[in-house]
Protein backbone atom coordinates (compact mmCIF):
# COMPACT_ATOMS: atom_id res chain seq x y z
CA UNK A 1 85.42 67.71 119.27
CA UNK A 2 81.98 68.63 120.64
CA UNK A 3 79.07 66.29 121.17
CA UNK A 4 76.35 66.36 118.55
CA UNK A 5 72.90 67.00 119.97
CA UNK A 6 70.25 64.77 118.47
CA UNK A 7 67.26 66.74 119.69
CA UNK A 8 64.49 66.61 122.26
CA UNK A 9 63.63 63.43 124.16
CA UNK A 10 60.25 63.10 125.91
CA UNK A 11 60.86 63.28 129.66
CA UNK A 12 57.38 62.93 131.13
CA UNK A 13 53.95 64.37 131.90
CA UNK A 14 53.27 66.82 134.73
CA UNK A 15 51.34 65.31 137.64
CA UNK A 16 51.73 67.98 140.36
CA UNK A 17 53.26 71.38 141.03
CA UNK A 18 54.76 71.66 144.51
CA UNK A 19 56.06 75.18 145.12
CA UNK A 20 58.74 75.78 142.51
CA UNK A 21 59.08 72.06 141.72
CA UNK A 22 57.17 69.95 139.24
CA UNK A 23 56.64 66.20 139.63
CA UNK A 24 56.40 64.26 136.38
CA UNK A 25 55.36 60.71 135.55
CA UNK A 26 58.64 59.78 133.92
CA UNK A 27 59.18 58.25 130.51
CA UNK A 28 62.93 58.79 130.02
CA UNK A 29 65.48 58.34 132.83
CA UNK A 30 67.59 61.52 132.77
CA UNK A 31 70.81 62.43 134.55
CA UNK A 32 70.47 64.62 137.62
CA UNK A 33 71.03 68.29 136.80
CA UNK A 34 70.10 68.00 133.12
CA UNK A 35 68.03 70.91 131.78
CA UNK A 36 64.30 70.42 131.24
CA UNK A 37 62.24 72.04 128.48
CA UNK A 38 58.53 72.63 127.94
CA UNK A 39 56.53 71.74 124.81
CA UNK A 40 57.81 74.87 123.05
CA UNK A 41 61.39 73.86 123.97
CA UNK A 42 61.82 76.78 126.38
CA UNK A 43 64.34 76.11 129.17
CA UNK A 44 62.18 75.75 132.32
CA UNK A 45 64.49 74.21 134.91
CA UNK A 46 66.57 71.16 135.73
CA UNK A 47 66.12 67.62 137.05
CA UNK A 48 66.63 67.36 140.82
CA UNK A 49 65.39 63.87 141.65
CA UNK A 50 64.31 60.55 140.16
CA UNK A 51 62.29 58.26 142.41
CA UNK A 52 59.93 55.31 142.45
CA UNK A 53 60.18 51.85 140.89
CA UNK A 54 62.36 51.43 137.81
CA UNK A 55 59.47 50.49 135.52
CA UNK A 56 57.20 53.33 136.75
CA UNK A 57 59.38 56.20 137.97
CA UNK A 58 58.82 59.88 138.71
CA UNK A 59 61.03 62.87 137.93
CA UNK A 60 61.25 66.09 139.98
CA UNK A 61 62.16 69.30 138.16
CA UNK A 62 63.25 72.51 139.91
CA UNK A 63 61.48 75.23 137.91
CA UNK A 64 63.51 78.34 137.09
CA UNK A 65 60.59 80.16 135.50
CA UNK A 66 57.49 81.80 136.99
CA UNK A 67 55.24 80.26 134.35
CA UNK A 68 52.60 77.89 135.74
CA UNK A 69 52.09 74.66 133.82
CA UNK A 70 48.77 72.78 133.89
CA UNK A 71 48.53 69.13 134.85
CA UNK A 72 49.25 66.98 131.80
CA UNK A 73 51.90 69.33 130.33
CA UNK A 74 54.72 67.54 128.52
CA UNK A 75 58.39 68.09 129.30
CA UNK A 76 61.55 67.18 127.41
CA UNK A 77 65.32 66.95 127.77
CA UNK A 78 67.92 67.40 125.03
CA UNK A 79 70.03 64.42 124.06
C-alpha cells in the first residue's frame, strides 16, 4: 500500500541566496532531504539543514535549478 499525498505544505519565505543554497524563514519543520518546491510547484531542490530556535527556525535548501528566486519567494514541501 502506498502513502497518499495530501498536497503542498508551506515551508517558508526566502531570506537569502548563498551560492546554490537558499535560506528560508521556516514555517513548517520538514525532514532533512525532503524535496522543496517553488510557488508553481516545480521541484527546486531539497532540505539540507534546519537551524535556530524551535519557535523561530530557518531552513536551508540546496537548489538543484539555475533559476534565481527573489527575496520573499515562497517555498513548499509535499506531505
